[in-house]
């Protein structure tokens, strides 16, 4: 059983005030898909920070980032990850 939802004033500062959209698969909404070039990725995690849908996933190896990838089941193709990537490792391509 999950914890009861908190009211807005009960959420700690910088807390998540909503349920992430990963509760529902929404990946079929997009018309563009982000494609990550892992050879360019610096693992700075700015894409992860800015993704509004928590579709950027991170695999950890202890305290180091092992791998960054995109979970297309939840990505809506907004392109924020691509715009925020300083290494230009994420390219937006038309959905096929």
PDB file of N, CA and C in Angstrom:
ATOM      1  N   UNK A   1       0.838  -1.173   0.000  1.00  0.00           N
ATOM      2  CA  UNK A   1       0.000   0.000   0.000  1.00  0.00           C
ATOM      3  C   UNK A   1       0.888   1.241   0.000  1.00  0.00           C
ATOM      4  N   UNK A   2       0.582   2.209  -0.866  1.00  0.00           N
ATOM      5  CA  UNK A   2       1.408   3.409  -0.960  1.00  0.00           C
ATOM      6  C   UNK A   2       1.012   4.416   0.110  1.00  0.00           C
ATOM      7  N   UNK A   3       1.945   5.331   0.374  1.00  0.00           N
ATOM      8  CA  UNK A   3       1.707   6.376   1.367  1.00  0.00           C
ATOM      9  C   UNK A   3       0.648   7.342   0.846  1.00  0.00           C
ATOM     10  N   UNK A   4      -0.136   7.936   1.737  1.00  0.00           N
ATOM     11  CA  UNK A   4      -1.152   8.900   1.282  1.00  0.00           C
ATOM     12  C   UNK A   4      -0.481  10.123   0.669  1.00  0.00           C
ATOM     13  N   UNK A   5      -1.140  10.727  -0.314  1.00  0.00           N
ATOM     14  CA  UNK A   5      -0.609  11.926  -0.944  1.00  0.00           C
ATOM     15  C   UNK A   5      -0.603  13.074   0.049  1.00  0.00           C
ATOM     16  N   UNK A   6       0.438  13.908  -0.043  1.00  0.00           N
ATOM     17  CA  UNK A   6       0.534  15.057   0.851  1.00  0.00           C
ATOM     18  C   UNK A   6      -0.102  16.273   0.210  1.00  0.00           C
ATOM     19  N   UNK A   7      -0.559  17.174   1.044  1.00  0.00           N
ATOM     20  CA  UNK A   7      -1.067  18.449   0.563  1.00  0.00           C
ATOM     21  C   UNK A   7       0.126  19.331   0.228  1.00  0.00           C
ATOM     22  N   UNK A   8      -0.092  20.389  -0.566  1.00  0.00           N
ATOM     23  CA  UNK A   8       1.010  21.202  -1.064  1.00  0.00           C
ATOM     24  C   UNK A   8       1.899  21.739   0.052  1.00  0.00           C
ATOM     25  N   UNK A   9       1.344  22.122   1.167  1.00  0.00           N
ATOM     26  CA  UNK A   9       2.136  22.708   2.239  1.00  0.00           C
ATOM     27  C   UNK A   9       2.870  21.649   3.077  1.00  0.00           C
ATOM     28  N   UNK A  10       2.590  20.381   2.848  1.00  0.00           N
ATOM     29  CA  UNK A  10       3.269  19.301   3.558  1.00  0.00           C
ATOM     30  C   UNK A  10       4.470  18.763   2.795  1.00  0.00           C
ATOM     31  N   UNK A  11       4.601  19.161   1.523  1.00  0.00           N
ATOM     32  CA  UNK A  11       5.718  18.690   0.701  1.00  0.00           C
ATOM     33  C   UNK A  11       6.959  19.473   1.091  1.00  0.00           C
ATOM     34  N   UNK A  12       8.084  18.803   1.364  1.00  0.00           N
ATOM     35  CA  UNK A  12       9.297  19.523   1.742  1.00  0.00           C
ATOM     36  C   UNK A  12       9.804  20.386   0.583  1.00  0.00           C
ATOM     37  N   UNK A  13      10.576  21.413   0.912  1.00  0.00           N
ATOM     38  CA  UNK A  13      11.154  22.272  -0.118  1.00  0.00           C
ATOM     39  C   UNK A  13      11.940  21.393  -1.086  1.00  0.00           C
ATOM     40  N   UNK A  14      11.736  21.625  -2.376  1.00  0.00           N
ATOM     41  CA  UNK A  14      12.347  20.856  -3.472  1.00  0.00           C
ATOM     42  C   UNK A  14      11.784  19.434  -3.554  1.00  0.00           C
ATOM     43  N   UNK A  15      10.683  19.178  -2.882  1.00  0.00           N
ATOM     44  CA  UNK A  15      10.034  17.877  -2.982  1.00  0.00           C
ATOM     45  C   UNK A  15       9.226  17.780  -4.260  1.00  0.00           C
ATOM     46  N   UNK A  16       8.886  16.591  -4.668  1.00  0.00           N
ATOM     47  CA  UNK A  16       8.093  16.392  -5.872  1.00  0.00           C
ATOM     48  C   UNK A  16       6.621  16.502  -5.492  1.00  0.00           C
ATOM     49  N   UNK A  17       5.929  17.539  -5.987  1.00  0.00           N
ATOM     50  CA  UNK A  17       4.541  17.760  -5.581  1.00  0.00           C
ATOM     51  C   UNK A  17       3.522  16.980  -6.405  1.00  0.00           C
ATOM     52  N   UNK A  18       3.960  16.091  -7.274  1.00  0.00           N
ATOM     53  CA  UNK A  18       3.050  15.370  -8.147  1.00  0.00           C
ATOM     54  C   UNK A  18       3.546  13.949  -8.358  1.00  0.00           C
ATOM     55  N   UNK A  19       2.686  13.118  -8.867  1.00  0.00           N
ATOM     56  CA  UNK A  19       3.120  11.770  -9.245  1.00  0.00           C
ATOM     57  C   UNK A  19       3.756  11.842 -10.622  1.00  0.00           C
ATOM     58  N   UNK A  20       4.928  11.252 -10.820  1.00  0.00           N
ATOM     59  CA  UNK A  20       5.542  11.295 -12.144  1.00  0.00           C
ATOM     60  C   UNK A  20       4.683  10.575 -13.174  1.00  0.00           C
ATOM     61  N   UNK A  21       4.815  10.991 -14.407  1.00  0.00           N
ATOM     62  CA  UNK A  21       3.993  10.389 -15.453  1.00  0.00           C
ATOM     63  C   UNK A  21       4.423   8.963 -15.767  1.00  0.00           C
ATOM     64  N   UNK A  22       5.439   8.460 -15.086  1.00  0.00           N
ATOM     65  CA  UNK A  22       5.831   7.072 -15.289  1.00  0.00           C
ATOM     66  C   UNK A  22       4.794   6.105 -14.728  1.00  0.00           C
ATOM     67  N   UNK A  23       3.725   6.646 -14.184  1.00  0.00           N
ATOM     68  CA  UNK A  23       2.615   5.803 -13.761  1.00  0.00           C
ATOM     69  C   UNK A  23       1.886   5.243 -14.988  1.00  0.00           C
ATOM     70  N   UNK A  24       2.008   5.949 -16.121  1.00  0.00           N
ATOM     71  CA  UNK A  24       1.323   5.568 -17.353  1.00  0.00           C
ATOM     72  C   UNK A  24       2.294   5.661 -18.520  1.00  0.00           C
ATOM     73  N   UNK A  25       2.274   4.678 -19.400  1.00  0.00           N
ATOM     74  CA  UNK A  25       3.133   4.716 -20.583  1.00  0.00           C
ATOM     75  C   UNK A  25       2.554   5.715 -21.578  1.00  0.00           C
ATOM     76  N   UNK A  26       3.329   6.755 -21.880  1.00  0.00           N
ATOM     77  CA  UNK A  26       2.859   7.840 -22.733  1.00  0.00           C
ATOM     78  C   UNK A  26       3.742   8.044 -23.957  1.00  0.00           C
ATOM     79  N   UNK A  27       4.641   7.124 -24.235  1.00  0.00           N
ATOM     80  CA  UNK A  27       5.595   7.272 -25.323  1.00  0.00           C
ATOM     81  C   UNK A  27       4.995   7.314 -26.712  1.00  0.00           C
ATOM     82  N   UNK A  28       3.768   6.871 -26.864  1.00  0.00           N
ATOM     83  CA  UNK A  28       3.154   6.870 -28.196  1.00  0.00           C
ATOM     84  C   UNK A  28       2.681   8.265 -28.611  1.00  0.00           C
ATOM     85  N   UNK A  29       2.803   9.244 -27.756  1.00  0.00           N
ATOM     86  CA  UNK A  29       2.360  10.599 -28.063  1.00  0.00           C
ATOM     87  C   UNK A  29       3.315  11.353 -28.961  1.00  0.00           C
ATOM     88  N   UNK A  30       4.570  10.962 -28.990  1.00  0.00           N
ATOM     89  CA  UNK A  30       5.585  11.807 -29.622  1.00  0.00           C
ATOM     90  C   UNK A  30       5.606  11.699 -31.146  1.00  0.00           C
ATOM     91  N   UNK A  31       6.090  12.782 -31.781  1.00  0.00           N
ATOM     92  CA  UNK A  31       6.331  12.767 -33.217  1.00  0.00           C
ATOM     93  C   UNK A  31       7.830  12.872 -33.501  1.00  0.00           C
ATOM     94  N   UNK A  32       8.621  13.233 -32.473  1.00  0.00           N
ATOM     95  CA  UNK A  32      10.078  13.212 -32.565  1.00  0.00           C
ATOM     96  C   UNK A  32      10.614  12.409 -31.400  1.00  0.00           C
ATOM     97  N   UNK A  33      11.717  11.706 -31.634  1.00  0.00           N
ATOM     98  CA  UNK A  33      12.326  10.902 -30.579  1.00  0.00           C
ATOM     99  C   UNK A  33      13.759  11.342 -30.361  1.00  0.00           C
ATOM    100  N   UNK A  34      14.195  11.456 -29.102  1.00  0.00           N
ATOM    101  CA  UNK A  34      15.591  11.777 -28.833  1.00  0.00           C
ATOM    102  C   UNK A  34      16.450  10.521 -29.005  1.00  0.00           C
ATOM    103  N   UNK A  35      17.565  10.680 -29.693  1.00  0.00           N
ATOM    104  CA  UNK A  35      18.491   9.565 -29.891  1.00  0.00           C
ATOM    105  C   UNK A  35      19.814   9.973 -29.261  1.00  0.00           C
ATOM    106  N   UNK A  36      20.285   9.177 -28.322  1.00  0.00           N
ATOM    107  CA  UNK A  36      21.499   9.477 -27.564  1.00  0.00           C
ATOM    108  C   UNK A  36      22.707   8.823 -28.218  1.00  0.00           C
ATOM    109  N   UNK A  37      23.730   9.619 -28.506  1.00  0.00           N
ATOM    110  CA  UNK A  37      25.014   9.112 -28.992  1.00  0.00           C
ATOM    111  C   UNK A  37      25.902   8.924 -27.762  1.00  0.00           C
ATOM    112  N   UNK A  38      26.007   7.686 -27.298  1.00  0.00           N
ATOM    113  CA  UNK A  38      26.733   7.416 -26.052  1.00  0.00           C
ATOM    114  C   UNK A  38      28.212   7.781 -26.144  1.00  0.00           C
ATOM    115  N   UNK A  39      28.775   7.813 -27.351  1.00  0.00           N
ATOM    116  CA  UNK A  39      30.192   8.178 -27.493  1.00  0.00           C
ATOM    117  C   UNK A  39      30.420   9.667 -27.216  1.00  0.00           C
ATOM    118  N   UNK A  40      29.395  10.504 -27.370  1.00  0.00           N
ATOM    119  CA  UNK A  40      29.498  11.937 -27.086  1.00  0.00           C
ATOM    120  C   UNK A  40      29.074  12.275 -25.659  1.00  0.00           C
ATOM    121  N   UNK A  41      28.321  11.396 -25.025  1.00  0.00           N
ATOM    122  CA  UNK A  41      27.746  11.664 -23.705  1.00  0.00           C
ATOM    123  C   UNK A  41      28.839  11.823 -22.649  1.00  0.00           C
ATOM    124  N   UNK A  42      28.787  12.938 -21.914  1.00  0.00           N
ATOM    125  CA  UNK A  42      29.746  13.222 -20.835  1.00  0.00           C
ATOM    126  C   UNK A  42      29.229  12.747 -19.475  1.00  0.00           C
ATOM    127  N   UNK A  43      28.017  12.253 -19.446  1.00  0.00           N
ATOM    128  CA  UNK A  43      27.367  11.804 -18.212  1.00  0.00           C
ATOM    129  C   UNK A  43      27.245  12.927 -17.175  1.00  0.00           C
ATOM    130  N   UNK A  44      26.951  14.127 -17.685  1.00  0.00           N
ATOM    131  CA  UNK A  44      26.761  15.282 -16.798  1.00  0.00           C
ATOM    132  C   UNK A  44      25.387  15.253 -16.140  1.00  0.00           C
ATOM    133  N   UNK A  45      24.456  14.500 -16.716  1.00  0.00           N
ATOM    134  CA  UNK A  45      23.098  14.297 -16.220  1.00  0.00           C
ATOM    135  C   UNK A  45      22.188  15.524 -16.321  1.00  0.00           C
ATOM    136  N   UNK A  46      22.566  16.522 -17.117  1.00  0.00           N
ATOM    137  CA  UNK A  46      21.666  17.657 -17.306  1.00  0.00           C
ATOM    138  C   UNK A  46      20.382  17.214 -17.995  1.00  0.00           C
ATOM    139  N   UNK A  47      20.471  16.253 -18.899  1.00  0.00           N
ATOM    140  CA  UNK A  47      19.263  15.733 -19.546  1.00  0.00           C
ATOM    141  C   UNK A  47      18.329  15.117 -18.508  1.00  0.00           C
ATOM    142  N   UNK A  48      18.887  14.409 -17.569  1.00  0.00           N
ATOM    143  CA  UNK A  48      18.125  13.761 -16.500  1.00  0.00           C
ATOM    144  C   UNK A  48      17.465  14.812 -15.601  1.00  0.00           C
ATOM    145  N   UNK A  49      18.199  15.865 -15.290  1.00  0.00           N
ATOM    146  CA  UNK A  49      17.680  16.929 -14.433  1.00  0.00           C
ATOM    147  C   UNK A  49      16.510  17.647 -15.099  1.00  0.00           C
ATOM    148  N   UNK A  50      16.632  17.941 -16.387  1.00  0.00           N
ATOM    149  CA  UNK A  50      15.628  18.747 -17.080  1.00  0.00           C
ATOM    150  C   UNK A  50      14.458  17.953 -17.644  1.00  0.00           C
ATOM    151  N   UNK A  51      14.567  16.647 -17.763  1.00  0.00           N
ATOM    152  CA  UNK A  51      13.487  15.859 -18.358  1.00  0.00           C
ATOM    153  C   UNK A  51      12.219  15.956 -17.501  1.00  0.00           C
ATOM    154  N   UNK A  52      11.136  16.519 -18.053  1.00  0.00           N
ATOM    155  CA  UNK A  52       9.922  16.676 -17.251  1.00  0.00           C
ATOM    156  C   UNK A  52       9.150  15.373 -17.057  1.00  0.00           C
ATOM    157  N   UNK A  53       9.517  14.336 -17.772  1.00  0.00           N
ATOM    158  CA  UNK A  53       8.769  13.078 -17.705  1.00  0.00           C
ATOM    159  C   UNK A  53       9.535  11.941 -17.048  1.00  0.00           C
ATOM    160  N   UNK A  54      10.684  12.215 -16.497  1.00  0.00           N
ATOM    161  CA  UNK A  54      11.564  11.199 -15.903  1.00  0.00           C
ATOM    162  C   UNK A  54      11.812  10.038 -16.855  1.00  0.00           C
ATOM    163  N   UNK A  55      11.956  10.356 -18.157  1.00  0.00           N
ATOM    164  CA  UNK A  55      12.209   9.333 -19.168  1.00  0.00           C
ATOM    165  C   UNK A  55      13.698   9.082 -19.360  1.00  0.00           C
ATOM    166  N   UNK A  56      14.544   9.949 -18.836  1.00  0.00           N
ATOM    167  CA  UNK A  56      15.981   9.722 -18.881  1.00  0.00           C
ATOM    168  C   UNK A  56      16.325   8.828 -17.697  1.00  0.00           C
ATOM    169  N   UNK A  57      16.957   7.727 -17.993  1.00  0.00           N
ATOM    170  CA  UNK A  57      17.298   6.763 -16.933  1.00  0.00           C
ATOM    171  C   UNK A  57      18.809   6.690 -16.771  1.00  0.00           C
ATOM    172  N   UNK A  58      19.239   6.396 -15.568  1.00  0.00           N
ATOM    173  CA  UNK A  58      20.665   6.332 -15.244  1.00  0.00           C
ATOM    174  C   UNK A  58      20.956   5.004 -14.572  1.00  0.00           C
ATOM    175  N   UNK A  59      21.984   4.326 -15.054  1.00  0.00           N
ATOM    176  CA  UNK A  59      22.488   3.115 -14.385  1.00  0.00           C
ATOM    177  C   UNK A  59      23.742   3.517 -13.630  1.00  0.00           C
ATOM    178  N   UNK A  60      23.801   3.144 -12.382  1.00  0.00           N
ATOM    179  CA  UNK A  60      24.915   3.517 -11.519  1.00  0.00           C
ATOM    180  C   UNK A  60      25.841   2.327 -11.282  1.00  0.00           C
ATOM    181  N   UNK A  61      27.116   2.632 -11.136  1.00  0.00           N
ATOM    182  CA  UNK A  61      28.130   1.659 -10.736  1.00  0.00           C
ATOM    183  C   UNK A  61      28.745   2.219  -9.460  1.00  0.00           C
ATOM    184  N   UNK A  62      28.142   1.877  -8.342  1.00  0.00           N
ATOM    185  CA  UNK A  62      28.546   2.489  -7.081  1.00  0.00           C
ATOM    186  C   UNK A  62      28.116   3.939  -7.075  1.00  0.00           C
ATOM    187  N   UNK A  63      29.071   4.864  -6.957  1.00  0.00           N
ATOM    188  CA  UNK A  63      28.748   6.290  -6.968  1.00  0.00           C
ATOM    189  C   UNK A  63      29.061   6.946  -8.310  1.00  0.00           C
ATOM    190  N   UNK A  64      29.360   6.145  -9.334  1.00  0.00           N
ATOM    191  CA  UNK A  64      29.657   6.665 -10.671  1.00  0.00           C
ATOM    192  C   UNK A  64      28.542   6.304 -11.646  1.00  0.00           C
ATOM    193  N   UNK A  65      28.339   7.177 -12.620  1.00  0.00           N
ATOM    194  CA  UNK A  65      27.341   6.908 -13.649  1.00  0.00           C
ATOM    195  C   UNK A  65      27.925   5.901 -14.623  1.00  0.00           C
ATOM    196  N   UNK A  66      27.242   4.781 -14.757  1.00  0.00           N
ATOM    197  CA  UNK A  66      27.691   3.741 -15.675  1.00  0.00           C
ATOM    198  C   UNK A  66      27.122   3.987 -17.069  1.00  0.00           C
ATOM    199  N   UNK A  67      25.845   4.357 -17.122  1.00  0.00           N
ATOM    200  CA  UNK A  67      25.168   4.496 -18.414  1.00  0.00           C
ATOM    201  C   UNK A  67      23.958   5.407 -18.270  1.00  0.00           C
ATOM    202  N   UNK A  68      23.715   6.193 -19.319  1.00  0.00           N
ATOM    203  CA  UNK A  68      22.523   7.027 -19.420  1.00  0.00           C
ATOM    204  C   UNK A  68      21.737   6.525 -20.619  1.00  0.00           C
ATOM    205  N   UNK A  69      20.428   6.369 -20.476  1.00  0.00           N
ATOM    206  CA  UNK A  69      19.615   5.942 -21.609  1.00  0.00           C
ATOM    207  C   UNK A  69      18.219   6.552 -21.508  1.00  0.00           C
ATOM    208  N   UNK A  70      17.481   6.450 -22.599  1.00  0.00           N
ATOM    209  CA  UNK A  70      16.147   7.042 -22.680  1.00  0.00           C
ATOM    210  C   UNK A  70      15.109   5.928 -22.668  1.00  0.00           C
ATOM    211  N   UNK A  71      14.149   6.039 -21.781  1.00  0.00           N
ATOM    212  CA  UNK A  71      13.063   5.073 -21.705  1.00  0.00           C
ATOM    213  C   UNK A  71      11.930   5.567 -22.602  1.00  0.00           C
ATOM    214  N   UNK A  72      11.863   5.026 -23.805  1.00  0.00           N
ATOM    215  CA  UNK A  72      10.908   5.491 -24.808  1.00  0.00           C
ATOM    216  C   UNK A  72       9.454   5.184 -24.449  1.00  0.00           C
ATOM    217  N   UNK A  73       9.211   4.332 -23.475  1.00  0.00           N
ATOM    218  CA  UNK A  73       7.836   4.082 -23.045  1.00  0.00           C
ATOM    219  C   UNK A  73       7.209   5.335 -22.440  1.00  0.00           C
ATOM    220  N   UNK A  74       8.037   6.231 -21.905  1.00  0.00           N
ATOM    221  CA  UNK A  74       7.535   7.399 -21.203  1.00  0.00           C
ATOM    222  C   UNK A  74       7.923   8.722 -21.848  1.00  0.00           C
ATOM    223  N   UNK A  75       8.845   8.713 -22.799  1.00  0.00           N
ATOM    224  CA  UNK A  75       9.304   9.938 -23.461  1.00  0.00           C
ATOM    225  C   UNK A  75       8.233  10.462 -24.410  1.00  0.00           C
ATOM    226  N   UNK A  76       7.904  11.757 -24.272  1.00  0.00           N
ATOM    227  CA  UNK A  76       6.912  12.381 -25.146  1.00  0.00           C
ATOM    228  C   UNK A  76       7.554  13.134 -26.308  1.00  0.00           C
ATOM    229  N   UNK A  77       8.889  13.157 -26.363  1.00  0.00           N
ATOM    230  CA  UNK A  77       9.587  13.790 -27.476  1.00  0.00           C
ATOM    231  C   UNK A  77       9.599  15.305 -27.429  1.00  0.00           C
ATOM    232  N   UNK A  78       9.614  15.894 -26.254  1.00  0.00           N
ATOM    233  CA  UNK A  78       9.570  17.355 -26.134  1.00  0.00           C
ATOM    234  C   UNK A  78      10.861  18.020 -26.587  1.00  0.00           C
ATOM    235  N   UNK A  79      11.990  17.309 -26.502  1.00  0.00           N
ATOM    236  CA  UNK A  79      13.265  17.843 -26.962  1.00  0.00           C
ATOM    237  C   UNK A  79      14.043  18.646 -25.945  1.00  0.00           C
ATOM    238  N   UNK A  80      13.550  18.756 -24.732  1.00  0.00           N
ATOM    239  CA  UNK A  80      14.265  19.515 -23.709  1.00  0.00           C
ATOM    240  C   UNK A  80      15.631  18.894 -23.441  1.00  0.00           C
ATOM    241  N   UNK A  81      15.713  17.590 -23.388  1.00  0.00           N
ATOM    242  CA  UNK A  81      16.994  16.917 -23.143  1.00  0.00           C
ATOM    243  C   UNK A  81      18.018  17.291 -24.213  1.00  0.00           C
ATOM    244  N   UNK A  82      17.582  17.328 -25.453  1.00  0.00           N
ATOM    245  CA  UNK A  82      18.457  17.671 -26.569  1.00  0.00           C
ATOM    246  C   UNK A  82      18.938  19.115 -26.473  1.00  0.00           C
ATOM    247  N   UNK A  83      18.045  20.019 -26.123  1.00  0.00           N
ATOM    248  CA  UNK A  83      18.408  21.435 -26.005  1.00  0.00           C
ATOM    249  C   UNK A  83      19.367  21.688 -24.846  1.00  0.00           C
ATOM    250  N   UNK A  84      19.236  20.932 -23.771  1.00  0.00           N
ATOM    251  CA  UNK A  84      20.056  21.169 -22.581  1.00  0.00           C
ATOM    252  C   UNK A  84      21.400  20.446 -22.605  1.00  0.00           C
ATOM    253  N   UNK A  85      21.587  19.507 -23.500  1.00  0.00           N
ATOM    254  CA  UNK A  85      22.823  18.716 -23.531  1.00  0.00           C
ATOM    255  C   UNK A  85      23.996  19.565 -24.038  1.00  0.00           C
ATOM    256  N   UNK A  86      24.998  19.844 -23.185  1.00  0.00           N
ATOM    257  CA  UNK A  86      26.123  20.673 -23.612  1.00  0.00           C
ATOM    258  C   UNK A  86      27.031  19.963 -24.627  1.00  0.00           C
ATOM    259  N   UNK A  87      27.001  18.646 -24.663  1.00  0.00           N
ATOM    260  CA  UNK A  87      27.843  17.873 -25.576  1.00  0.00           C
ATOM    261  C   UNK A  87      27.148  17.614 -26.914  1.00  0.00           C
ATOM    262  N   UNK A  88      25.902  18.037 -27.030  1.00  0.00           N
ATOM    263  CA  UNK A  88      25.101  17.764 -28.250  1.00  0.00           C
ATOM    264  C   UNK A  88      25.073  16.265 -28.545  1.00  0.00           C
ATOM    265  N   UNK A  89      24.915  15.482 -27.499  1.00  0.00           N
ATOM    266  CA  UNK A  89      24.889  14.020 -27.632  1.00  0.00           C
ATOM    267  C   UNK A  89      23.486  13.481 -27.903  1.00  0.00           C
ATOM    268  N   UNK A  90      22.487  14.340 -27.842  1.00  0.00           N
ATOM    269  CA  UNK A  90      21.109  13.906 -28.056  1.00  0.00           C
ATOM    270  C   UNK A  90      20.554  14.620 -29.292  1.00  0.00           C
ATOM    271  N   UNK A  91      20.146  13.856 -30.264  1.00  0.00           N
ATOM    272  CA  UNK A  91      19.593  14.409 -31.497  1.00  0.00           C
ATOM    273  C   UNK A  91      18.126  14.034 -31.597  1.00  0.00           C
ATOM    274  N   UNK A  92      17.298  15.000 -31.958  1.00  0.00           N
ATOM    275  CA  UNK A  92      15.879  14.734 -32.140  1.00  0.00           C
ATOM    276  C   UNK A  92      15.648  14.278 -33.585  1.00  0.00           C
ATOM    277  N   UNK A  93      15.032  13.120 -33.733  1.00  0.00           N
ATOM    278  CA  UNK A  93      14.749  12.551 -35.046  1.00  0.00           C
ATOM    279  C   UNK A  93      13.248  12.296 -35.165  1.00  0.00           C
ATOM    280  N   UNK A  94      12.714  12.398 -36.396  1.00  0.00           N
ATOM    281  CA  UNK A  94      11.294  12.116 -36.577  1.00  0.00           C
ATOM    282  C   UNK A  94      10.969  10.682 -36.167  1.00  0.00           C
ATOM    283  N   UNK A  95       9.827  10.528 -35.521  1.00  0.00           N
ATOM    284  CA  UNK A  95       9.359   9.197 -35.139  1.00  0.00           C
ATOM    285  C   UNK A  95       8.930   8.462 -36.416  1.00  0.00           C
ATOM    286  N   UNK A  96       9.320   7.232 -36.511  1.00  0.00           N
ATOM    287  CA  UNK A  96       8.994   6.451 -37.721  1.00  0.00           C
ATOM    288  C   UNK A  96       7.745   5.636 -37.525  1.00  0.00           C
TER     289      UNK A  96
END
